[in-house]
Protein backbone atom coordinates (compact mmCIF):
# COMPACT_ATOMS: atom_id res chain seq x y z
CA MET A 1 -19.83 24.32 -24.34
CA LYS A 2 -23.06 25.29 -22.59
CA ASP A 3 -23.56 28.06 -25.15
CA ILE A 4 -24.00 25.45 -27.91
CA ALA A 5 -26.91 23.77 -26.14
CA VAL A 6 -28.53 27.09 -25.31
CA GLU A 7 -28.02 28.38 -28.85
CA ILE A 8 -29.56 25.25 -30.38
CA GLY A 9 -32.34 25.04 -27.80
CA LEU A 10 -33.94 22.04 -26.18
CA PRO A 11 -36.97 22.07 -28.52
CA ASN A 12 -34.65 21.74 -31.52
CA VAL A 13 -32.66 18.91 -29.92
CA THR A 14 -35.96 17.18 -29.13
CA GLY A 15 -37.08 17.58 -32.74
CA VAL A 16 -33.86 16.24 -34.25
CA VAL A 17 -33.77 13.25 -31.91
CA GLY A 18 -37.41 12.47 -32.60
CA ASP A 19 -36.96 12.74 -36.36
CA PHE A 20 -33.81 10.60 -36.26
CA TYR A 21 -35.48 7.76 -34.36
CA ASP A 22 -38.63 7.95 -36.48
CA ARG A 23 -36.37 7.39 -39.51
CA VAL A 24 -34.40 4.63 -37.77
CA ARG A 25 -37.65 2.75 -37.12
CA GLN A 26 -38.31 2.74 -40.88
CA HIS A 27 -34.77 1.72 -41.91
CA PRO A 28 -34.61 -1.85 -43.25
CA ASP A 29 -31.54 -2.79 -41.20
CA LEU A 30 -31.58 -0.48 -38.19
CA ALA A 31 -35.21 -1.15 -37.35
CA VAL A 32 -34.32 -4.73 -36.37
CA PRO A 33 -32.19 -4.00 -33.28
CA PHE A 34 -34.41 -1.07 -32.34
CA ALA A 35 -37.40 -3.40 -32.24
CA THR A 36 -36.27 -4.16 -28.68
CA VAL A 37 -37.47 -0.70 -27.57
CA ASP A 38 -40.74 -1.05 -25.68
CA ASP A 39 -41.44 2.60 -24.87
CA TRP A 40 -40.49 4.93 -27.70
CA ALA A 41 -41.58 8.08 -25.89
CA GLU A 42 -39.26 7.27 -22.98
CA HIS A 43 -36.46 6.19 -25.31
CA LYS A 44 -36.63 9.49 -27.19
CA ALA A 45 -36.83 11.48 -23.94
CA HIS A 46 -33.79 9.65 -22.54
CA LEU A 47 -31.75 10.19 -25.69
CA THR A 48 -32.84 13.80 -26.00
CA HIS A 49 -31.48 14.32 -22.51
CA PHE A 50 -28.25 12.51 -23.45
CA TRP A 51 -27.67 14.80 -26.44
CA TRP A 52 -28.75 17.91 -24.55
CA VAL A 53 -26.19 17.25 -21.82
CA THR A 54 -23.56 16.20 -24.40
CA LEU A 55 -24.03 19.58 -26.07
CA GLY A 56 -23.48 21.29 -22.72
CA GLY A 57 -27.03 21.72 -21.47
CA SER A 58 -27.87 21.40 -17.80
CA PRO A 59 -29.09 17.95 -16.76
CA TYR A 60 -32.78 17.71 -15.93
CA ARG A 61 -33.11 13.92 -15.55
CA ASP A 62 -31.42 11.48 -13.21
CA LYS A 63 -31.20 8.25 -15.18
CA PRO A 64 -27.85 6.63 -16.00
CA TYR A 65 -26.71 5.88 -19.53
CA GLN A 66 -25.45 2.46 -20.58
CA VAL A 67 -24.81 3.20 -24.24
CA ALA A 68 -22.37 0.41 -25.15
CA HIS A 69 -24.13 -2.20 -23.03
CA LYS A 70 -27.61 -1.41 -24.35
CA HIS A 71 -26.44 -1.37 -27.98
CA ALA A 72 -24.66 -4.70 -27.54
CA LEU A 73 -27.78 -6.26 -25.99
CA ALA A 74 -29.86 -5.01 -28.92
CA GLY A 75 -27.56 -6.74 -31.41
CA PHE A 76 -25.71 -3.81 -32.93
CA THR A 77 -22.55 -4.74 -34.80
CA PRO A 78 -19.86 -2.56 -36.36
CA GLU A 79 -21.05 -3.71 -39.79
CA LEU A 80 -24.55 -2.45 -39.07
CA LEU A 81 -23.22 1.04 -38.37
CA VAL A 82 -20.88 1.40 -41.37
CA ASP A 83 -23.25 3.07 -43.83
């Protein structure tokens, strides 16, 4: 799996994550729960690392992920994620 991360490249993962969250912040429904994010640069860096490692890249940060917990605290519901 590491080959996928290396083939894509960290700069491309960074770009896709950044573009995705820039669009989320403009979305009429998704922007609401994401309004809880105080530091967008850190949020994007953290999620870039998450996707980099998920794609098989070597970890370069030491910060735990609490995906379900954080999304629940922000008010995400299954209905919000359907479309």
